Amino acid sequence: MVTQLHLALVLAIDAKILVLDEPTLGLDILTRRQFYNHLLE
């Protein structure tokens, strides 16, 4: 949950460049897939 909260705060920044360093450590496979779908959409 902490990882998801952190992702939500950063992805809500309307930036030109997004840098992700092993962004889904600690997340289960379903949440990891949801994260990458959210990233693209």
PDB file of all heavy atoms in Angstrom:
ATOM      1  N   MET A   1       0.835  -1.212   0.000  1.00  0.00           N
ATOM      2  CA  MET A   1       0.000   0.000   0.000  1.00  0.00           C
ATOM      3  C   MET A   1       0.867   1.257   0.000  1.00  0.00           C
ATOM      4  O   MET A   1       0.550   2.241  -0.684  1.00  0.00           O
ATOM      5  CB  MET A   1      -0.921   0.000   1.218  1.00  0.00           C
ATOM      6  CG  MET A   1      -2.070  -0.966   1.148  1.00  0.00           C
ATOM      7  SD  MET A   1      -3.092  -0.845   2.642  1.00  0.00           S
ATOM      8  CE  MET A   1      -4.403  -2.005   2.246  1.00  0.00           C
ATOM      9  N   VAL A   2       1.939   1.245   0.785  1.00  0.00           N
ATOM     10  CA  VAL A   2       2.839   2.404   0.820  1.00  0.00           C
ATOM     11  C   VAL A   2       3.435   2.649  -0.566  1.00  0.00           C
ATOM     12  O   VAL A   2       3.523   3.789  -1.037  1.00  0.00           O
ATOM     13  CB  VAL A   2       3.954   2.196   1.865  1.00  0.00           C
ATOM     14  CG1 VAL A   2       4.967   3.344   1.803  1.00  0.00           C
ATOM     15  CG2 VAL A   2       3.368   2.090   3.256  1.00  0.00           C
ATOM     16  N   THR A   3       3.828   1.568  -1.233  1.00  0.00           N
ATOM     17  CA  THR A   3       4.376   1.695  -2.582  1.00  0.00           C
ATOM     18  C   THR A   3       3.327   2.270  -3.523  1.00  0.00           C
ATOM     19  O   THR A   3       3.625   3.156  -4.340  1.00  0.00           O
ATOM     20  CB  THR A   3       4.854   0.322  -3.097  1.00  0.00           C
ATOM     21  OG1 THR A   3       5.839  -0.196  -2.209  1.00  0.00           O
ATOM     22  CG2 THR A   3       5.451   0.447  -4.493  1.00  0.00           C
ATOM     23  N   GLN A   4       2.095   1.796  -3.432  1.00  0.00           N
ATOM     24  CA  GLN A   4       1.025   2.308  -4.290  1.00  0.00           C
ATOM     25  C   GLN A   4       0.742   3.782  -4.030  1.00  0.00           C
ATOM     26  O   GLN A   4       0.501   4.553  -4.971  1.00  0.00           O
ATOM     27  CB  GLN A   4      -0.251   1.488  -4.075  1.00  0.00           C
ATOM     28  CG  GLN A   4      -0.204   0.092  -4.682  1.00  0.00           C
ATOM     29  CD  GLN A   4      -1.486  -0.665  -4.426  1.00  0.00           C
ATOM     30  OE1 GLN A   4      -1.803  -1.004  -3.278  1.00  0.00           O
ATOM     31  NE2 GLN A   4      -2.242  -0.932  -5.460  1.00  0.00           N
ATOM     32  N   LEU A   5       0.757   4.180  -2.763  1.00  0.00           N
ATOM     33  CA  LEU A   5       0.543   5.590  -2.432  1.00  0.00           C
ATOM     34  C   LEU A   5       1.652   6.447  -3.028  1.00  0.00           C
ATOM     35  O   LEU A   5       1.395   7.516  -3.611  1.00  0.00           O
ATOM     36  CB  LEU A   5       0.486   5.763  -0.914  1.00  0.00           C
ATOM     37  CG  LEU A   5       0.391   7.201  -0.388  1.00  0.00           C
ATOM     38  CD1 LEU A   5      -0.794   7.931  -0.993  1.00  0.00           C
ATOM     39  CD2 LEU A   5       0.334   7.209   1.141  1.00  0.00           C
ATOM     40  N   HIS A   6       2.868   5.987  -2.895  1.00  0.00           N
ATOM     41  CA  HIS A   6       4.005   6.712  -3.456  1.00  0.00           C
ATOM     42  C   HIS A   6       3.865   6.846  -4.974  1.00  0.00           C
ATOM     43  O   HIS A   6       4.088   7.923  -5.549  1.00  0.00           O
ATOM     44  CB  HIS A   6       5.290   5.964  -3.101  1.00  0.00           C
ATOM     45  CG  HIS A   6       6.537   6.695  -3.459  1.00  0.00           C
ATOM     46  ND1 HIS A   6       7.542   6.145  -4.211  1.00  0.00           N
ATOM     47  CD2 HIS A   6       6.948   7.959  -3.181  1.00  0.00           C
ATOM     48  CE1 HIS A   6       8.517   7.022  -4.374  1.00  0.00           C
ATOM     49  NE2 HIS A   6       8.180   8.120  -3.761  1.00  0.00           N
ATOM     50  N   LEU A   7       3.475   5.770  -5.643  1.00  0.00           N
ATOM     51  CA  LEU A   7       3.281   5.799  -7.088  1.00  0.00           C
ATOM     52  C   LEU A   7       2.187   6.792  -7.471  1.00  0.00           C
ATOM     53  O   LEU A   7       2.323   7.542  -8.444  1.00  0.00           O
ATOM     54  CB  LEU A   7       2.911   4.402  -7.593  1.00  0.00           C
ATOM     55  CG  LEU A   7       3.951   3.295  -7.433  1.00  0.00           C
ATOM     56  CD1 LEU A   7       3.397   1.963  -7.906  1.00  0.00           C
ATOM     57  CD2 LEU A   7       5.223   3.619  -8.176  1.00  0.00           C
ATOM     58  N   ALA A   8       1.108   6.793  -6.715  1.00  0.00           N
ATOM     59  CA  ALA A   8      -0.005   7.695  -7.020  1.00  0.00           C
ATOM     60  C   ALA A   8       0.420   9.151  -6.945  1.00  0.00           C
ATOM     61  O   ALA A   8       0.057   9.971  -7.804  1.00  0.00           O
ATOM     62  CB  ALA A   8      -1.160   7.434  -6.052  1.00  0.00           C
ATOM     63  N   LEU A   9       1.205   9.495  -5.946  1.00  0.00           N
ATOM     64  CA  LEU A   9       1.642  10.881  -5.769  1.00  0.00           C
ATOM     65  C   LEU A   9       2.565  11.335  -6.898  1.00  0.00           C
ATOM     66  O   LEU A   9       2.461  12.455  -7.393  1.00  0.00           O
ATOM     67  CB  LEU A   9       2.357  11.029  -4.423  1.00  0.00           C
ATOM     68  CG  LEU A   9       1.507  10.778  -3.176  1.00  0.00           C
ATOM     69  CD1 LEU A   9       2.367  10.823  -1.929  1.00  0.00           C
ATOM     70  CD2 LEU A   9       0.361  11.784  -3.085  1.00  0.00           C
ATOM     71  N   VAL A  10       3.452  10.436  -7.327  1.00  0.00           N
ATOM     72  CA  VAL A  10       4.410  10.817  -8.366  1.00  0.00           C
ATOM     73  C   VAL A  10       3.764  10.819  -9.746  1.00  0.00           C
ATOM     74  O   VAL A  10       3.994  11.723 -10.557  1.00  0.00           O
ATOM     75  CB  VAL A  10       5.638   9.884  -8.333  1.00  0.00           C
ATOM     76  CG1 VAL A  10       6.589  10.214  -9.482  1.00  0.00           C
ATOM     77  CG2 VAL A  10       6.362  10.019  -7.008  1.00  0.00           C
ATOM     78  N   LEU A  11       2.934   9.821 -10.032  1.00  0.00           N
ATOM     79  CA  LEU A  11       2.303   9.753 -11.351  1.00  0.00           C
ATOM     80  C   LEU A  11       1.292  10.876 -11.566  1.00  0.00           C
ATOM     81  O   LEU A  11       0.914  11.162 -12.706  1.00  0.00           O
ATOM     82  CB  LEU A  11       1.618   8.402 -11.537  1.00  0.00           C
ATOM     83  CG  LEU A  11       2.547   7.197 -11.702  1.00  0.00           C
ATOM     84  CD1 LEU A  11       1.742   5.930 -11.920  1.00  0.00           C
ATOM     85  CD2 LEU A  11       3.515   7.399 -12.851  1.00  0.00           C
ATOM     86  N   ALA A  12       0.852  11.514 -10.491  1.00  0.00           N
ATOM     87  CA  ALA A  12      -0.087  12.626 -10.624  1.00  0.00           C
ATOM     88  C   ALA A  12       0.618  13.939 -10.983  1.00  0.00           C
ATOM     89  O   ALA A  12      -0.033  14.969 -11.154  1.00  0.00           O
ATOM     90  CB  ALA A  12      -0.877  12.804  -9.334  1.00  0.00           C
ATOM     91  N   ILE A  13       1.939  13.906 -11.093  1.00  0.00           N
ATOM     92  CA  ILE A  13       2.689  15.079 -11.544  1.00  0.00           C
ATOM     93  C   ILE A  13       2.724  15.094 -13.061  1.00  0.00           C
ATOM     94  O   ILE A  13       3.127  14.119 -13.698  1.00  0.00           O
ATOM     95  CB  ILE A  13       4.128  15.050 -10.986  1.00  0.00           C
ATOM     96  CG1 ILE A  13       4.107  15.103  -9.456  1.00  0.00           C
ATOM     97  CG2 ILE A  13       4.953  16.202 -11.553  1.00  0.00           C
ATOM     98  CD1 ILE A  13       5.460  14.891  -8.817  1.00  0.00           C
ATOM     99  N   ASP A  14       2.275  16.161 -13.664  1.00  0.00           N
ATOM    100  CA  ASP A  14       2.237  16.274 -15.126  1.00  0.00           C
ATOM    101  C   ASP A  14       3.632  16.623 -15.641  1.00  0.00           C
ATOM    102  O   ASP A  14       3.899  17.756 -16.032  1.00  0.00           O
ATOM    103  CB  ASP A  14       1.219  17.325 -15.552  1.00  0.00           C
ATOM    104  CG  ASP A  14       1.037  17.361 -17.058  1.00  0.00           C
ATOM    105  OD1 ASP A  14       1.357  16.359 -17.731  1.00  0.00           O
ATOM    106  OD2 ASP A  14       0.595  18.408 -17.580  1.00  0.00           O
ATOM    107  N   ALA A  15       4.516  15.644 -15.627  1.00  0.00           N
ATOM    108  CA  ALA A  15       5.909  15.863 -16.001  1.00  0.00           C
ATOM    109  C   ALA A  15       6.157  15.445 -17.445  1.00  0.00           C
ATOM    110  O   ALA A  15       5.423  14.631 -18.008  1.00  0.00           O
ATOM    111  CB  ALA A  15       6.818  15.069 -15.069  1.00  0.00           C
ATOM    112  N   LYS A  16       7.213  15.995 -18.030  1.00  0.00           N
ATOM    113  CA  LYS A  16       7.636  15.601 -19.372  1.00  0.00           C
ATOM    114  C   LYS A  16       8.440  14.307 -19.338  1.00  0.00           C
ATOM    115  O   LYS A  16       8.459  13.545 -20.310  1.00  0.00           O
ATOM    116  CB  LYS A  16       8.478  16.706 -20.010  1.00  0.00           C
ATOM    117  CG  LYS A  16       7.711  17.952 -20.403  1.00  0.00           C
ATOM    118  CD  LYS A  16       6.802  17.677 -21.588  1.00  0.00           C
ATOM    119  CE  LYS A  16       6.127  18.957 -22.063  1.00  0.00           C
ATOM    120  NZ  LYS A  16       5.156  18.669 -23.162  1.00  0.00           N
ATOM    121  N   ILE A  17       9.130  14.083 -18.220  1.00  0.00           N
ATOM    122  CA  ILE A  17       9.997  12.917 -18.087  1.00  0.00           C
ATOM    123  C   ILE A  17       9.637  12.183 -16.805  1.00  0.00           C
ATOM    124  O   ILE A  17       9.507  12.792 -15.741  1.00  0.00           O
ATOM    125  CB  ILE A  17      11.485  13.335 -18.039  1.00  0.00           C
ATOM    126  CG1 ILE A  17      11.904  13.967 -19.361  1.00  0.00           C
ATOM    127  CG2 ILE A  17      12.374  12.140 -17.715  1.00  0.00           C
ATOM    128  CD1 ILE A  17      13.282  14.608 -19.320  1.00  0.00           C
ATOM    129  N   LEU A  18       9.476  10.875 -16.910  1.00  0.00           N
ATOM    130  CA  LEU A  18       9.230  10.043 -15.743  1.00  0.00           C
ATOM    131  C   LEU A  18      10.364   9.028 -15.639  1.00  0.00           C
ATOM    132  O   LEU A  18      10.648   8.296 -16.586  1.00  0.00           O
ATOM    133  CB  LEU A  18       7.890   9.317 -15.864  1.00  0.00           C
ATOM    134  CG  LEU A  18       7.511   8.373 -14.726  1.00  0.00           C
ATOM    135  CD1 LEU A  18       7.412   9.125 -13.402  1.00  0.00           C
ATOM    136  CD2 LEU A  18       6.181   7.677 -15.032  1.00  0.00           C
ATOM    137  N   VAL A  19      11.015   9.007 -14.486  1.00  0.00           N
ATOM    138  CA  VAL A  19      12.130   8.104 -14.240  1.00  0.00           C
ATOM    139  C   VAL A  19      11.704   7.103 -13.168  1.00  0.00           C
ATOM    140  O   VAL A  19      11.338   7.490 -12.059  1.00  0.00           O
ATOM    141  CB  VAL A  19      13.381   8.882 -13.779  1.00  0.00           C
ATOM    142  CG1 VAL A  19      14.530   7.928 -13.498  1.00  0.00           C
ATOM    143  CG2 VAL A  19      13.796   9.904 -14.843  1.00  0.00           C
ATOM    144  N   LEU A  20      11.760   5.827 -13.516  1.00  0.00           N
ATOM    145  CA  LEU A  20      11.299   4.764 -12.629  1.00  0.00           C
ATOM    146  C   LEU A  20      12.449   3.811 -12.343  1.00  0.00           C
ATOM    147  O   LEU A  20      12.983   3.187 -13.261  1.00  0.00           O
ATOM    148  CB  LEU A  20      10.149   3.984 -13.271  1.00  0.00           C
ATOM    149  CG  LEU A  20       8.951   4.805 -13.777  1.00  0.00           C
ATOM    150  CD1 LEU A  20       8.010   3.913 -14.563  1.00  0.00           C
ATOM    151  CD2 LEU A  20       8.224   5.443 -12.619  1.00  0.00           C
ATOM    152  N   ASP A  21      12.813   3.673 -11.087  1.00  0.00           N
ATOM    153  CA  ASP A  21      13.897   2.777 -10.698  1.00  0.00           C
ATOM    154  C   ASP A  21      13.301   1.590  -9.949  1.00  0.00           C
ATOM    155  O   ASP A  21      12.971   1.698  -8.773  1.00  0.00           O
ATOM    156  CB  ASP A  21      14.908   3.526  -9.825  1.00  0.00           C
ATOM    157  CG  ASP A  21      16.172   2.723  -9.567  1.00  0.00           C
ATOM    158  OD1 ASP A  21      16.313   1.627 -10.145  1.00  0.00           O
ATOM    159  OD2 ASP A  21      17.026   3.187  -8.790  1.00  0.00           O
ATOM    160  N   GLU A  22      13.125   0.469 -10.646  1.00  0.00           N
ATOM    161  CA  GLU A  22      12.499  -0.720 -10.058  1.00  0.00           C
ATOM    162  C   GLU A  22      11.211  -0.314  -9.333  1.00  0.00           C
ATOM    163  O   GLU A  22      11.062  -0.534  -8.120  1.00  0.00           O
ATOM    164  CB  GLU A  22      13.464  -1.411  -9.088  1.00  0.00           C
ATOM    165  CG  GLU A  22      14.774  -1.860  -9.711  1.00  0.00           C
ATOM    166  CD  GLU A  22      14.670  -3.179 -10.472  1.00  0.00           C
ATOM    167  OE1 GLU A  22      13.556  -3.711 -10.585  1.00  0.00           O
ATOM    168  OE2 GLU A  22      15.708  -3.653 -10.949  1.00  0.00           O
ATOM    169  N   PRO A  23      10.243   0.261 -10.052  1.00  0.00           N
ATOM    170  CA  PRO A  23       9.116   0.921  -9.384  1.00  0.00           C
ATOM    171  C   PRO A  23       8.118   0.007  -8.695  1.00  0.00           C
ATOM    172  O   PRO A  23       7.352   0.467  -7.852  1.00  0.00           O
ATOM    173  CB  PRO A  23       8.425   1.661 -10.538  1.00  0.00           C
ATOM    174  CG  PRO A  23       8.742   0.828 -11.744  1.00  0.00           C
ATOM    175  CD  PRO A  23      10.145   0.348 -11.517  1.00  0.00           C
ATOM    176  N   THR A  24       8.094  -1.283  -9.032  1.00  0.00           N
ATOM    177  CA  THR A  24       7.039  -2.131  -8.500  1.00  0.00           C
ATOM    178  C   THR A  24       7.529  -3.145  -7.473  1.00  0.00           C
ATOM    179  O   THR A  24       6.848  -4.134  -7.197  1.00  0.00           O
ATOM    180  CB  THR A  24       6.326  -2.878  -9.643  1.00  0.00           C
ATOM    181  OG1 THR A  24       7.283  -3.648 -10.390  1.00  0.00           O
ATOM    182  CG2 THR A  24       5.638  -1.900 -10.578  1.00  0.00           C
ATOM    183  N   LEU A  25       8.704  -2.902  -6.888  1.00  0.00           N
ATOM    184  CA  LEU A  25       9.175  -3.785  -5.831  1.00  0.00           C
ATOM    185  C   LEU A  25       8.176  -3.787  -4.676  1.00  0.00           C
ATOM    186  O   LEU A  25       7.700  -2.734  -4.248  1.00  0.00           O
ATOM    187  CB  LEU A  25      10.538  -3.329  -5.315  1.00  0.00           C
ATOM    188  CG  LEU A  25      11.748  -3.569  -6.229  1.00  0.00           C
ATOM    189  CD1 LEU A  25      13.005  -3.013  -5.580  1.00  0.00           C
ATOM    190  CD2 LEU A  25      11.924  -5.041  -6.543  1.00  0.00           C
ATOM    191  N   GLY A  26       7.847  -4.961  -4.184  1.00  0.00           N
ATOM    192  CA  GLY A  26       6.920  -5.060  -3.070  1.00  0.00           C
ATOM    193  C   GLY A  26       5.471  -5.194  -3.466  1.00  0.00           C
ATOM    194  O   GLY A  26       4.603  -5.356  -2.599  1.00  0.00           O
ATOM    195  N   LEU A  27       5.178  -5.131  -4.770  1.00  0.00           N
ATOM    196  CA  LEU A  27       3.800  -5.267  -5.232  1.00  0.00           C
ATOM    197  C   LEU A  27       3.550  -6.673  -5.767  1.00  0.00           C
ATOM    198  O   LEU A  27       4.432  -7.288  -6.363  1.00  0.00           O
ATOM    199  CB  LEU A  27       3.503  -4.241  -6.327  1.00  0.00           C
ATOM    200  CG  LEU A  27       3.655  -2.758  -5.958  1.00  0.00           C
ATOM    201  CD1 LEU A  27       3.269  -1.893  -7.142  1.00  0.00           C
ATOM    202  CD2 LEU A  27       2.811  -2.413  -4.747  1.00  0.00           C
ATOM    203  N   ASP A  28       2.328  -7.175  -5.593  1.00  0.00           N
ATOM    204  CA  ASP A  28       1.989  -8.482  -6.147  1.00  0.00           C
ATOM    205  C   ASP A  28       1.787  -8.349  -7.655  1.00  0.00           C
ATOM    206  O   ASP A  28       1.694  -7.245  -8.203  1.00  0.00           O
ATOM    207  CB  ASP A  28       0.736  -9.046  -5.475  1.00  0.00           C
ATOM    208  CG  ASP A  28      -0.476  -8.133  -5.645  1.00  0.00           C
ATOM    209  OD1 ASP A  28      -0.925  -7.946  -6.791  1.00  0.00           O
ATOM    210  OD2 ASP A  28      -0.970  -7.594  -4.629  1.00  0.00           O
ATOM    211  N   ILE A  29       1.700  -9.471  -8.354  1.00  0.00           N
ATOM    212  CA  ILE A  29       1.674  -9.466  -9.808  1.00  0.00           C
ATOM    213  C   ILE A  29       0.464  -8.720 -10.363  1.00  0.00           C
ATOM    214  O   ILE A  29       0.572  -8.005 -11.371  1.00  0.00           O
ATOM    215  CB  ILE A  29       1.736 -10.907 -10.363  1.00  0.00           C
ATOM    216  CG1 ILE A  29       1.868 -10.873 -11.896  1.00  0.00           C
ATOM    217  CG2 ILE A  29       0.536 -11.728  -9.913  1.00  0.00           C
ATOM    218  CD1 ILE A  29       2.167 -12.221 -12.505  1.00  0.00           C
ATOM    219  N   LEU A  30      -0.688  -8.837  -9.720  1.00  0.00           N
ATOM    220  CA  LEU A  30      -1.876  -8.137 -10.195  1.00  0.00           C
ATOM    221  C   LEU A  30      -1.701  -6.634 -10.092  1.00  0.00           C
ATOM    222  O   LEU A  30      -2.016  -5.887 -11.033  1.00  0.00           O
ATOM    223  CB  LEU A  30      -3.111  -8.580  -9.395  1.00  0.00           C
ATOM    224  CG  LEU A  30      -4.430  -7.880  -9.759  1.00  0.00           C
ATOM    225  CD1 LEU A  30      -4.776  -8.134 -11.221  1.00  0.00           C
ATOM    226  CD2 LEU A  30      -5.561  -8.369  -8.843  1.00  0.00           C
ATOM    227  N   THR A  31      -1.184  -6.172  -8.962  1.00  0.00           N
ATOM    228  CA  THR A  31      -0.975  -4.730  -8.769  1.00  0.00           C
ATOM    229  C   THR A  31       0.095  -4.198  -9.715  1.00  0.00           C
ATOM    230  O   THR A  31      -0.011  -3.070 -10.200  1.00  0.00           O
ATOM    231  CB  THR A  31      -0.590  -4.447  -7.304  1.00  0.00           C
ATOM    232  OG1 THR A  31      -1.575  -5.002  -6.433  1.00  0.00           O
ATOM    233  CG2 THR A  31      -0.513  -2.952  -7.053  1.00  0.00           C
ATOM    234  N   ARG A  32       1.118  -5.004  -9.984  1.00  0.00           N
ATOM    235  CA  ARG A  32       2.156  -4.580 -10.933  1.00  0.00           C
ATOM    236  C   ARG A  32       1.556  -4.360 -12.314  1.00  0.00           C
ATOM    237  O   ARG A  32       1.852  -3.367 -12.979  1.00  0.00           O
ATOM    238  CB  ARG A  32       3.283  -5.610 -10.991  1.00  0.00           C
ATOM    239  CG  ARG A  32       4.080  -5.738  -9.712  1.00  0.00           C
ATOM    240  CD  ARG A  32       5.443  -6.378  -9.925  1.00  0.00           C
ATOM    241  NE  ARG A  32       5.380  -7.687 -10.534  1.00  0.00           N
ATOM    242  CZ  ARG A  32       5.335  -8.820  -9.859  1.00  0.00           C
ATOM    243  NH1 ARG A  32       5.282  -8.801  -8.532  1.00  0.00           N
ATOM    244  NH2 ARG A  32       5.322  -9.989 -10.485  1.00  0.00           N
ATOM    245  N   ARG A  33       0.723  -5.264 -12.728  1.00  0.00           N
ATOM    246  CA  ARG A  33       0.090  -5.120 -14.051  1.00  0.00           C
ATOM    247  C   ARG A  33      -0.825  -3.895 -14.090  1.00  0.00           C
ATOM    248  O   ARG A  33      -0.868  -3.164 -15.077  1.00  0.00           O
ATOM    249  CB  ARG A  33      -0.686  -6.387 -14.399  1.00  0.00           C
ATOM    250  CG  ARG A  33       0.214  -7.579 -14.714  1.00  0.00           C
ATOM    251  CD  ARG A  33      -0.580  -8.785 -15.161  1.00  0.00           C
ATOM    252  NE  ARG A  33       0.301  -9.896 -15.496  1.00  0.00           N
ATOM    253  CZ  ARG A  33      -0.136 -11.079 -15.916  1.00  0.00           C
ATOM    254  NH1 ARG A  33      -1.440 -11.292 -16.049  1.00  0.00           N
ATOM    255  NH2 ARG A  33       0.729 -12.035 -16.210  1.00  0.00           N
ATOM    256  N   GLN A  34      -1.563  -3.684 -12.997  1.00  0.00           N
ATOM    257  CA  GLN A  34      -2.438  -2.516 -12.930  1.00  0.00           C
ATOM    258  C   GLN A  34      -1.626  -1.228 -12.999  1.00  0.00           C
ATOM    259  O   GLN A  34      -2.037  -0.255 -13.641  1.00  0.00           O
ATOM    260  CB  GLN A  34      -3.265  -2.558 -11.645  1.00  0.00           C
ATOM    261  CG  GLN A  34      -4.316  -3.643 -11.629  1.00  0.00           C
ATOM    262  CD  GLN A  34      -5.014  -3.748 -10.286  1.00  0.00           C
ATOM    263  OE1 GLN A  34      -4.506  -3.290  -9.254  1.00  0.00           O
ATOM    264  NE2 GLN A  34      -6.188  -4.356 -10.271  1.00  0.00           N
ATOM    265  N   PHE A  35      -0.465  -1.232 -12.347  1.00  0.00           N
ATOM    266  CA  PHE A  35       0.392  -0.055 -12.367  1.00  0.00           C
ATOM    267  C   PHE A  35       0.842   0.281 -13.781  1.00  0.00           C
ATOM    268  O   PHE A  35       0.762   1.428 -14.230  1.00  0.00           O
ATOM    269  CB  PHE A  35       1.616  -0.265 -11.481  1.00  0.00           C
ATOM    270  CG  PHE A  35       2.720   0.742 -11.732  1.00  0.00           C
ATOM    271  CD1 PHE A  35       2.561   2.064 -11.356  1.00  0.00           C
ATOM    272  CD2 PHE A  35       3.894   0.372 -12.363  1.00  0.00           C
ATOM    273  CE1 PHE A  35       3.552   3.002 -11.596  1.00  0.00           C
ATOM    274  CE2 PHE A  35       4.893   1.294 -12.607  1.00  0.00           C
ATOM    275  CZ  PHE A  35       4.725   2.610 -12.225  1.00  0.00           C
ATOM    276  N   TYR A  36       1.317  -0.716 -14.524  1.00  0.00           N
ATOM    277  CA  TYR A  36       1.801  -0.450 -15.871  1.00  0.00           C
ATOM    278  C   TYR A  36       0.668  -0.063 -16.814  1.00  0.00           C
ATOM    279  O   TYR A  36       0.862   0.768 -17.717  1.00  0.00           O
ATOM    280  CB  TYR A  36       2.585  -1.648 -16.400  1.00  0.00           C
ATOM    281  CG  TYR A  36       3.951  -1.772 -15.761  1.00  0.00           C
ATOM    282  CD1 TYR A  36       4.294  -2.871 -14.976  1.00  0.00           C
ATOM    283  CD2 TYR A  36       4.903  -0.765 -15.905  1.00  0.00           C
ATOM    284  CE1 TYR A  36       5.541  -2.967 -14.367  1.00  0.00           C
ATOM    285  CE2 TYR A  36       6.145  -0.852 -15.296  1.00  0.00           C
ATOM    286  CZ  TYR A  36       6.458  -1.954 -14.532  1.00  0.00           C
ATOM    287  OH  TYR A  36       7.684  -2.041 -13.931  1.00  0.00           O
ATOM    288  N   ASN A  37      -0.511  -0.629 -16.614  1.00  0.00           N
ATOM    289  CA  ASN A  37      -1.661  -0.196 -17.409  1.00  0.00           C
ATOM    290  C   ASN A  37      -1.996   1.258 -17.116  1.00  0.00           C
ATOM    291  O   ASN A  37      -2.275   2.049 -18.031  1.00  0.00           O
ATOM    292  CB  ASN A  37      -2.882  -1.075 -17.111  1.00  0.00           C
ATOM    293  CG  ASN A  37      -2.751  -2.467 -17.696  1.00  0.00           C
ATOM    294  OD1 ASN A  37      -1.981  -2.680 -18.637  1.00  0.00           O
ATOM    295  ND2 ASN A  37      -3.482  -3.421 -17.136  1.00  0.00           N
ATOM    296  N   HIS A  38      -1.969   1.625 -15.842  1.00  0.00           N
ATOM    297  CA  HIS A  38      -2.236   3.009 -15.440  1.00  0.00           C
ATOM    298  C   HIS A  38      -1.184   3.946 -16.023  1.00  0.00           C
ATOM    299  O   HIS A  38      -1.494   5.057 -16.469  1.00  0.00           O
ATOM    300  CB  HIS A  38      -2.239   3.096 -13.914  1.00  0.00           C
ATOM    301  CG  HIS A  38      -2.476   4.469 -13.380  1.00  0.00           C
ATOM    302  ND1 HIS A  38      -3.689   5.104 -13.449  1.00  0.00           N
ATOM    303  CD2 HIS A  38      -1.643   5.353 -12.766  1.00  0.00           C
ATOM    304  CE1 HIS A  38      -3.604   6.308 -12.903  1.00  0.00           C
ATOM    305  NE2 HIS A  38      -2.369   6.483 -12.479  1.00  0.00           N
ATOM    306  N   LEU A  39       0.046   3.485 -16.048  1.00  0.00           N
ATOM    307  CA  LEU A  39       1.148   4.283 -16.593  1.00  0.00           C
ATOM    308  C   LEU A  39       0.883   4.646 -18.048  1.00  0.00           C
ATOM    309  O   LEU A  39       1.067   5.796 -18.468  1.00  0.00           O
ATOM    310  CB  LEU A  39       2.450   3.478 -16.468  1.00  0.00           C
ATOM    311  CG  LEU A  39       3.754   4.169 -16.839  1.00  0.00           C
ATOM    312  CD1 LEU A  39       4.071   5.267 -15.841  1.00  0.00           C
ATOM    313  CD2 LEU A  39       4.884   3.150 -16.880  1.00  0.00           C
ATOM    314  N   LEU A  40       0.440   3.679 -18.833  1.00  0.00           N
ATOM    315  CA  LEU A  40       0.204   3.907 -20.251  1.00  0.00           C
ATOM    316  C   LEU A  40      -1.078   4.712 -20.499  1.00  0.00           C
ATOM    317  O   LEU A  40      -1.112   5.583 -21.376  1.00  0.00           O
ATOM    318  CB  LEU A  40       0.111   2.575 -20.989  1.00  0.00           C
ATOM    319  CG  LEU A  40       1.394   1.736 -21.028  1.00  0.00           C
ATOM    320  CD1 LEU A  40       1.131   0.418 -21.744  1.00  0.00           C
ATOM    321  CD2 LEU A  40       2.535   2.479 -21.702  1.00  0.00           C
ATOM    322  N   GLU A  41      -2.104   4.428 -19.721  1.00  0.00           N
ATOM    323  CA  GLU A  41      -3.397   5.061 -19.964  1.00  0.00           C
ATOM    324  C   GLU A  41      -3.480   6.487 -19.439  1.00  0.00           C
ATOM    325  O   GLU A  41      -4.073   7.360 -20.077  1.00  0.00           O
ATOM    326  CB  GLU A  41      -4.509   4.227 -19.321  1.00  0.00           C
ATOM    327  CG  GLU A  41      -4.690   2.855 -19.979  1.00  0.00           C
ATOM    328  CD  GLU A  41      -5.664   1.983 -19.208  1.00  0.00           C
ATOM    329  OE1 GLU A  41      -6.208   2.474 -18.184  1.00  0.00           O
ATOM    330  OE2 GLU A  41      -5.874   0.831 -19.607  1.00  0.00           O
TER     331      GLU A  41
END
